[in-house]
Amino acid sequence: MRIALISPFPPLKGGIARFSSRLVSSFEEVGCQVVPVPFRRLYPGWLLKGRSAAEPGHPDVPESSFLLDLMNPLSWLATARSIRRHSPDVLLVAYWTGLLAPLCVVLRAVTGIRTYVLLHNFSSHEPIPAESLLQRMLLASADGFLTLSGSVRRELEARGGGKPVLTLFHPLFEPHGAMPPKRDARRMLGLSDESKVLLFFGYVRRYKGLEVLLEAMASAHRQDPSLKLVVAGEFIRDAGHFRAIAERLGITGCIDFRPGYVPADEVGRLFAAADAVVLPYLSATQSGVVPLAFGHGVPVIACDAGGLSSQVAHGRTGWVVDRTGPEALAEGILAFFAKRAEMPLDEGIEEARNANSWKVFAEEAAAFLEKETRGAA
């Protein structure tokens, strides 16, 4: 199959860009030809609030004949015509926000090529105007969907449409280079060997519940002073807001804020130093941080939000907190460390690595796309 993949790609930052870059090589490994169609720009500069859209050290968009700019509908038409000249069998569009729905409509109408949507999310994490209308536009224009979790599939099917759907999973991200030993990683980060280190990683957005985690840390730290939390990632909301919460709670000594985008070559050090990654999400369909943690061999403590409980096997790859609120999360953190020695975490994470491989994902996605495309011919 020849697949045109429309998505952010590095050097644009974020998990979806990293996901799509890995997906290209995985499709090629199972015999597909891929035409990457990268975005030159996703959002206006004012929305970024001074933050760079590109990975540090990679200021330029990669070489490409496509000039796709989500903020410029004229570029959508030019991109559609360019895609048509490449004659792919199918279009596969990465989708995570309703802002992409009009682009999907244009691509399907102008190219005339069957268009499938890879749903990272069906509903935007942050509310946007007229999202219900945008979702109806997407349902009308797409020929089918691939989802990364059952919760997204259920949300999609609840809106109707009756289009073919394949539910897959989020494959694991392997370390970028060799991981240092835990002792060395902690020394480089200024962390004690005796500490129980939790890692909150990635973009800090409202739905990810960092405020809840800080409240939980205040409670848990009173019972176990060896607990330490590292918060590493780019703050969409001012980091000062969270520092003020930590100060109010009297826990500044056990919170290590590391604001700013984490380059790929520094990720391994953070995960190597951690005893567990913690996801206090208020809502989520799935998270790219979970496969990143498992890829680095680190268990996950997660709140039972959306699809997270399907990603984390309670007692085997981490700990699922089945109640909401700071006290429940604090209890979950303490229970994880109390029972950690009894849990087959290494075995469970290795099973997750094998089951959620990129090869399996690419094979199943390619088979679905080929079957659907040939069936329509």
Protein backbone atom coordinates (compact mmCIF):
# COMPACT_ATOMS: atom_id res chain seq x y z
CA MET A 1 0.00 0.00 0.00
CA ARG A 2 0.97 3.58 -0.59
CA ILE A 3 -0.15 5.70 2.36
CA ALA A 4 -0.09 9.50 2.58
CA LEU A 5 0.23 10.33 6.29
CA ILE A 6 -0.89 13.83 7.19
CA SER A 7 0.44 14.75 10.62
CA PRO A 8 2.86 16.85 12.62
CA PHE A 9 6.38 15.45 12.36
CA PRO A 10 9.62 16.43 14.09
CA PRO A 11 11.04 18.97 14.47
CA LEU A 12 7.54 20.05 15.59
CA LYS A 13 7.28 19.19 19.26
CA GLY A 14 4.89 16.85 21.01
CA GLY A 15 3.88 13.23 21.33
CA ILE A 16 1.87 13.12 18.08
CA ALA A 17 4.86 14.28 16.03
CA ARG A 18 7.01 11.63 17.69
CA PHE A 19 4.27 9.02 17.20
CA SER A 20 3.90 9.75 13.48
CA SER A 21 7.63 9.71 12.85
CA ARG A 22 7.85 6.24 14.38
CA LEU A 23 4.74 5.12 12.50
CA VAL A 24 6.32 5.95 9.14
CA SER A 25 9.26 3.61 9.75
CA SER A 26 6.94 0.93 11.15
CA PHE A 27 4.71 1.01 8.07
CA GLU A 28 7.80 0.77 5.86
CA GLU A 29 9.09 -2.20 7.87
CA VAL A 30 5.89 -4.13 7.06
CA GLY A 31 6.07 -3.36 3.34
CA CYS A 32 4.07 -0.13 2.92
CA GLN A 33 5.21 2.95 1.07
CA VAL A 34 4.60 6.15 3.04
CA VAL A 35 4.35 9.72 1.81
CA PRO A 36 4.79 11.92 4.92
CA VAL A 37 2.81 15.16 4.68
CA PRO A 38 4.13 17.39 7.51
CA PHE A 39 2.61 20.58 8.85
CA ARG A 40 4.65 23.72 8.45
CA ARG A 41 2.57 25.39 11.15
CA LEU A 42 -0.19 24.24 13.49
CA TYR A 43 -1.10 27.25 15.58
CA PRO A 44 -0.70 31.04 15.40
CA GLY A 45 2.26 32.52 17.22
CA TRP A 46 0.14 34.33 19.82
CA LEU A 47 -1.33 31.03 21.00
CA LEU A 48 2.14 29.65 21.72
CA LYS A 49 2.78 32.56 24.16
CA GLY A 50 6.42 32.88 23.18
CA ARG A 51 7.14 29.13 23.19
CA SER A 52 8.85 27.57 20.22
CA ALA A 53 6.86 25.09 18.14
CA ALA A 54 10.03 23.20 17.19
CA GLU A 55 12.28 20.84 19.07
CA PRO A 56 15.32 22.60 20.57
CA GLY A 57 18.14 22.46 18.06
CA HIS A 58 15.73 21.83 15.16
CA PRO A 59 14.33 25.24 14.19
CA ASP A 60 13.54 24.35 10.60
CA VAL A 61 10.75 22.30 9.08
CA PRO A 62 12.14 19.14 7.40
CA GLU A 63 12.59 18.98 3.66
CA SER A 64 9.23 18.44 2.02
CA SER A 65 7.39 19.42 -1.14
CA PHE A 66 4.26 20.05 0.94
CA LEU A 67 3.41 23.45 2.38
CA LEU A 68 0.64 22.51 4.78
CA ASP A 69 -0.33 25.25 7.23
CA LEU A 70 -3.33 24.59 9.47
CA MET A 71 -3.93 28.35 9.75
CA ASN A 72 -3.97 28.89 5.97
CA PRO A 73 -6.82 27.17 4.05
CA LEU A 74 -5.18 28.05 0.72
CA SER A 75 -2.35 25.73 1.69
CA TRP A 76 -4.87 22.93 2.20
CA LEU A 77 -5.89 23.16 -1.46
CA ALA A 78 -2.28 23.24 -2.64
CA THR A 79 -1.43 20.27 -0.41
CA ALA A 80 -4.43 18.28 -1.67
CA ARG A 81 -3.32 18.80 -5.26
CA SER A 82 0.25 17.79 -4.39
CA ILE A 83 -0.97 14.66 -2.62
CA ARG A 84 -3.00 13.69 -5.67
CA ARG A 85 0.16 13.86 -7.83
CA HIS A 86 1.79 11.28 -5.53
CA SER A 87 -1.12 8.87 -6.19
CA PRO A 88 -1.41 7.24 -2.75
CA ASP A 89 -3.90 4.44 -2.24
CA VAL A 90 -5.22 6.03 0.94
CA LEU A 91 -4.93 9.14 3.10
CA LEU A 92 -4.35 8.69 6.83
CA VAL A 93 -4.89 11.86 8.88
CA ALA A 94 -3.70 12.22 12.48
CA TYR A 95 -6.50 13.89 14.45
CA TRP A 96 -6.58 15.24 18.00
CA THR A 97 -8.62 18.45 17.82
CA GLY A 98 -11.76 19.66 16.07
CA LEU A 99 -9.66 22.33 14.34
CA LEU A 100 -8.56 19.59 11.94
CA ALA A 101 -12.07 18.67 10.77
CA PRO A 102 -12.31 21.30 7.96
CA LEU A 103 -8.91 20.19 6.67
CA CYS A 104 -10.14 16.57 6.50
CA VAL A 105 -13.19 17.71 4.53
CA VAL A 106 -11.02 19.57 1.99
CA LEU A 107 -8.50 16.75 1.60
CA ARG A 108 -11.22 14.16 0.95
CA ALA A 109 -13.15 16.38 -1.48
CA VAL A 110 -10.20 17.68 -3.51
CA THR A 111 -8.11 14.50 -3.72
CA GLY A 112 -10.99 12.06 -4.18
CA ILE A 113 -8.85 9.54 -2.28
CA ARG A 114 -10.31 7.41 0.49
CA THR A 115 -9.49 9.10 3.78
CA TYR A 116 -9.08 7.41 7.16
CA VAL A 117 -8.57 9.23 10.42
CA LEU A 118 -6.17 8.13 13.14
CA LEU A 119 -7.96 9.37 16.26
CA HIS A 120 -5.62 10.26 19.09
CA ASN A 121 -8.69 11.97 20.57
CA PHE A 122 -12.19 12.50 19.22
CA SER A 123 -12.89 15.46 21.50
CA SER A 124 -10.32 18.20 22.03
CA HIS A 125 -8.61 18.28 25.41
CA GLU A 126 -9.31 22.00 25.67
CA PRO A 127 -12.86 23.16 24.80
CA ILE A 128 -13.21 24.83 21.38
CA PRO A 129 -16.25 26.59 19.89
CA ALA A 130 -18.70 24.54 17.82
CA GLU A 131 -16.85 21.27 18.40
CA SER A 132 -20.03 19.24 17.96
CA LEU A 133 -20.45 20.71 14.47
CA LEU A 134 -16.79 20.02 13.67
CA GLN A 135 -17.19 16.41 14.77
CA ARG A 136 -20.18 15.99 12.46
CA MET A 137 -18.06 17.37 9.61
CA LEU A 138 -15.38 14.82 10.39
CA LEU A 139 -17.85 11.93 10.52
CA ALA A 140 -19.31 12.94 7.18
CA SER A 141 -15.97 13.30 5.38
CA ALA A 142 -13.99 10.30 6.69
CA ASP A 143 -14.26 6.82 5.18
CA GLY A 144 -13.20 5.15 8.42
CA PHE A 145 -11.29 5.49 11.65
CA LEU A 146 -8.44 3.99 13.65
CA THR A 147 -8.53 4.59 17.40
CA LEU A 148 -5.90 4.10 20.09
CA SER A 149 -8.32 3.12 22.85
CA GLY A 150 -11.73 1.62 23.45
CA SER A 151 -12.92 4.80 25.14
CA VAL A 152 -12.33 6.82 21.96
CA ARG A 153 -14.14 4.17 19.92
CA ARG A 154 -17.13 4.31 22.25
CA GLU A 155 -17.22 8.09 22.06
CA LEU A 156 -17.01 7.92 18.27
CA GLU A 157 -19.76 5.32 17.94
CA ALA A 158 -22.02 7.23 20.32
CA ARG A 159 -22.04 10.03 17.75
CA GLY A 160 -23.18 7.64 15.02
CA GLY A 161 -21.96 7.50 11.45
CA GLY A 162 -21.54 3.74 11.07
CA LYS A 163 -18.10 4.04 9.44
CA PRO A 164 -15.56 1.19 9.74
CA VAL A 165 -13.47 1.43 12.89
CA LEU A 166 -10.32 -0.42 13.97
CA THR A 167 -9.37 -0.12 17.63
CA LEU A 168 -5.65 -0.53 18.25
CA PHE A 169 -3.41 0.71 21.08
CA HIS A 170 -0.64 3.18 21.71
CA PRO A 171 2.65 1.41 20.92
CA LEU A 172 5.60 1.73 23.26
CA PHE A 173 8.34 4.31 22.82
CA GLU A 174 11.79 2.83 23.35
CA PRO A 175 14.58 4.86 24.98
CA HIS A 176 16.47 7.30 22.79
CA GLY A 177 19.91 5.76 23.31
CA ALA A 178 21.21 3.88 26.34
CA MET A 179 19.63 4.65 29.72
CA PRO A 180 22.03 5.41 32.57
CA PRO A 181 21.89 3.31 35.75
CA LYS A 182 19.42 4.68 38.33
CA ARG A 183 22.19 5.75 40.70
CA ASP A 184 23.98 7.72 37.96
CA ALA A 185 20.74 9.27 36.69
CA ARG A 186 19.86 10.47 40.18
CA ARG A 187 23.29 11.88 40.73
CA MET A 188 23.04 13.85 37.48
CA LEU A 189 19.64 15.21 38.56
CA GLY A 190 20.66 15.95 42.13
CA LEU A 191 18.35 13.31 43.62
CA SER A 192 19.09 11.10 46.61
CA ASP A 193 19.47 7.33 46.28
CA GLU A 194 17.18 6.92 49.30
CA SER A 195 14.30 8.95 47.84
CA LYS A 196 11.17 7.41 46.39
CA VAL A 197 10.98 9.36 43.16
CA LEU A 198 7.79 10.04 41.22
CA LEU A 199 7.88 11.62 37.76
CA PHE A 200 5.17 13.82 36.25
CA PHE A 201 6.23 14.19 32.61
CA GLY A 202 5.08 16.08 29.53
CA TYR A 203 3.01 19.14 28.71
CA VAL A 204 1.36 20.57 31.81
CA ARG A 205 -2.28 21.18 30.86
CA ARG A 206 -5.33 21.67 33.04
CA TYR A 207 -6.81 18.20 32.38
CA LYS A 208 -3.61 16.48 33.53
CA GLY A 209 -4.39 17.28 37.17
CA LEU A 210 -1.08 18.57 38.50
CA GLU A 211 -2.92 20.57 41.17
CA VAL A 212 -4.47 17.32 42.43
CA LEU A 213 -1.06 15.66 42.49
CA LEU A 214 0.47 18.47 44.53
CA GLU A 215 -2.36 18.20 47.07
CA ALA A 216 -1.80 14.42 47.14
CA MET A 217 1.93 14.89 47.67
CA ALA A 218 1.28 17.10 50.69
CA SER A 219 -0.74 14.31 52.27
CA ALA A 220 1.51 11.42 51.24
CA HIS A 221 4.72 13.22 52.21
CA ARG A 222 3.50 13.65 55.78
CA GLN A 223 3.34 9.86 56.04
CA ASP A 224 6.47 9.11 54.02
CA PRO A 225 9.05 11.94 53.99
CA SER A 226 11.24 10.05 51.50
CA LEU A 227 8.79 10.83 48.66
CA LYS A 228 10.04 13.18 45.96
CA LEU A 229 8.19 14.47 42.88
CA VAL A 230 9.91 15.64 39.70
CA VAL A 231 7.72 17.73 37.39
CA ALA A 232 9.37 17.90 33.97
CA GLY A 233 7.74 19.42 30.92
CA GLU A 234 6.51 22.52 29.19
CA PHE A 235 3.95 24.50 31.16
CA ILE A 236 0.98 25.67 29.13
CA ARG A 237 -0.20 27.47 32.27
CA ASP A 238 2.30 29.63 34.13
CA ALA A 239 4.64 27.50 36.24
CA GLY A 240 4.43 30.14 38.96
CA HIS A 241 0.85 29.04 39.65
CA PHE A 242 2.04 25.56 40.60
CA ARG A 243 5.04 26.79 42.56
CA ALA A 244 2.66 28.93 44.62
CA ILE A 245 0.50 25.87 45.36
CA ALA A 246 3.57 23.92 46.48
CA GLU A 247 4.62 26.80 48.71
CA ARG A 248 1.15 27.11 50.22
CA LEU A 249 1.14 23.38 50.96
CA GLY A 250 4.63 23.53 52.49
CA ILE A 251 6.09 20.93 50.12
CA THR A 252 8.61 22.96 48.09
CA GLY A 253 11.41 20.80 49.50
CA CYS A 254 10.03 17.61 47.96
CA ILE A 255 8.98 19.03 44.56
CA ASP A 256 11.56 19.48 41.82
CA PHE A 257 10.11 21.66 39.05
CA ARG A 258 11.94 21.36 35.74
CA PRO A 259 9.96 23.60 33.37
CA GLY A 260 10.66 23.53 29.65
CA TYR A 261 10.46 21.07 26.80
CA VAL A 262 12.57 17.96 27.46
CA PRO A 263 14.77 17.06 24.45
CA ALA A 264 14.73 13.42 23.42
CA ASP A 265 18.30 12.80 24.55
CA GLU A 266 17.43 13.90 28.12
CA VAL A 267 14.25 11.86 28.52
CA GLY A 268 16.06 8.64 29.44
CA ARG A 269 17.81 10.28 32.39
CA LEU A 270 14.50 11.37 33.94
CA PHE A 271 12.85 7.98 33.52
CA ALA A 272 15.93 6.11 34.75
CA ALA A 273 15.84 8.13 37.97
CA ALA A 274 12.13 7.46 38.64
CA ASP A 275 10.56 4.69 40.69
CA ALA A 276 7.21 5.38 39.02
CA VAL A 277 5.57 7.78 36.62
CA VAL A 278 2.38 9.33 37.99
CA LEU A 279 -0.63 10.40 35.90
CA PRO A 280 -3.19 12.27 38.01
CA TYR A 281 -5.32 13.02 34.94
CA LEU A 282 -8.81 14.41 35.41
CA SER A 283 -9.84 13.09 31.97
CA ALA A 284 -8.08 11.14 29.25
CA THR A 285 -8.81 8.71 26.43
CA GLN A 286 -5.26 7.40 26.51
CA SER A 287 -1.85 8.84 27.19
CA GLY A 288 1.41 8.72 25.28
CA VAL A 289 3.25 8.99 28.60
CA VAL A 290 2.20 5.44 29.56
CA PRO A 291 3.94 3.72 26.61
CA LEU A 292 6.88 6.06 27.10
CA ALA A 293 7.17 4.90 30.71
CA PHE A 294 6.81 1.20 29.84
CA GLY A 295 9.30 1.60 27.01
CA HIS A 296 11.78 2.81 29.62
CA GLY A 297 10.83 -0.01 32.01
CA VAL A 298 9.11 2.26 34.56
CA PRO A 299 5.72 1.43 36.17
CA VAL A 300 2.83 3.91 36.18
CA ILE A 301 0.52 5.15 38.93
CA ALA A 302 -2.62 6.44 37.18
CA CYS A 303 -6.01 7.78 38.11
CA ASP A 304 -8.85 5.80 36.53
CA ALA A 305 -9.72 8.47 33.96
CA GLY A 306 -11.11 7.56 30.55
CA GLY A 307 -8.94 4.91 28.92
CA LEU A 308 -5.99 4.97 31.34
CA SER A 309 -7.15 1.90 33.24
CA SER A 310 -6.95 -0.07 29.99
CA GLN A 311 -3.32 0.99 29.54
CA VAL A 312 -2.16 0.22 33.08
CA ALA A 313 -2.64 -3.30 34.48
CA HIS A 314 -3.26 -2.87 38.19
CA GLY A 315 -0.59 -4.74 40.16
CA ARG A 316 1.35 -5.80 37.04
CA THR A 317 2.50 -2.67 35.23
CA GLY A 318 1.61 -0.15 37.94
CA TRP A 319 -1.22 0.98 40.17
CA VAL A 320 -4.67 2.26 39.20
CA VAL A 321 -6.36 4.65 41.63
CA ASP A 322 -10.07 3.95 41.27
CA ARG A 323 -11.35 6.96 43.22
CA THR A 324 -10.99 10.67 42.54
CA GLY A 325 -9.41 13.39 44.62
CA PRO A 326 -6.08 14.14 46.33
CA GLU A 327 -6.62 11.80 49.29
CA ALA A 328 -7.37 8.82 47.04
CA LEU A 329 -4.29 9.56 44.95
CA ALA A 330 -2.14 9.91 48.07
CA GLU A 331 -3.40 6.54 49.30
CA GLY A 332 -2.64 5.03 45.88
CA ILE A 333 0.92 6.37 45.89
CA LEU A 334 1.58 5.01 49.38
CA ALA A 335 -0.03 1.66 48.54
CA PHE A 336 2.09 1.31 45.39
CA PHE A 337 5.33 1.71 47.33
CA ALA A 338 4.09 -0.53 50.15
CA LYS A 339 3.32 -3.37 47.75
CA ARG A 340 5.93 -2.70 45.07
CA ALA A 341 8.16 -5.61 46.10
CA GLU A 342 5.24 -8.06 45.81
CA MET A 343 4.20 -7.00 42.29
CA PRO A 344 5.64 -8.66 39.14
CA LEU A 345 6.34 -5.27 37.58
CA ASP A 346 9.30 -6.30 35.41
CA GLU A 347 7.36 -9.25 34.01
CA GLY A 348 4.20 -7.20 33.45
CA ILE A 349 6.00 -4.35 31.72
CA GLU A 350 7.86 -6.79 29.47
CA GLU A 351 4.52 -8.35 28.47
CA ALA A 352 3.19 -4.87 27.68
CA ARG A 353 6.27 -4.15 25.55
CA ASN A 354 5.70 -7.32 23.48
CA ALA A 355 1.93 -6.88 23.11
CA ASN A 356 2.08 -3.19 22.21
CA SER A 357 4.85 -3.24 19.65
CA TRP A 358 5.04 -0.93 16.65
CA LYS A 359 5.29 -3.94 14.33
CA VAL A 360 1.95 -5.32 15.52
CA PHE A 361 0.37 -1.87 15.28
CA ALA A 362 1.62 -1.29 11.73
CA GLU A 363 0.62 -4.76 10.52
CA GLU A 364 -2.93 -4.46 11.86
CA ALA A 365 -3.38 -0.87 10.64
CA ALA A 366 -2.05 -1.69 7.17
CA ALA A 367 -4.26 -4.79 6.89
CA PHE A 368 -7.33 -2.74 7.86
CA LEU A 369 -6.54 0.04 5.38
CA GLU A 370 -5.81 -2.39 2.56
CA LYS A 371 -8.98 -4.40 3.19
CA GLU A 372 -11.14 -1.27 3.31
CA THR A 373 -9.55 0.30 0.24
CA ARG A 374 -9.74 -2.87 -1.87
CA GLY A 375 -13.28 -3.53 -0.74
CA ALA A 376 -14.30 -0.11 -2.04
CA ALA A 377 -12.54 -0.54 -5.39
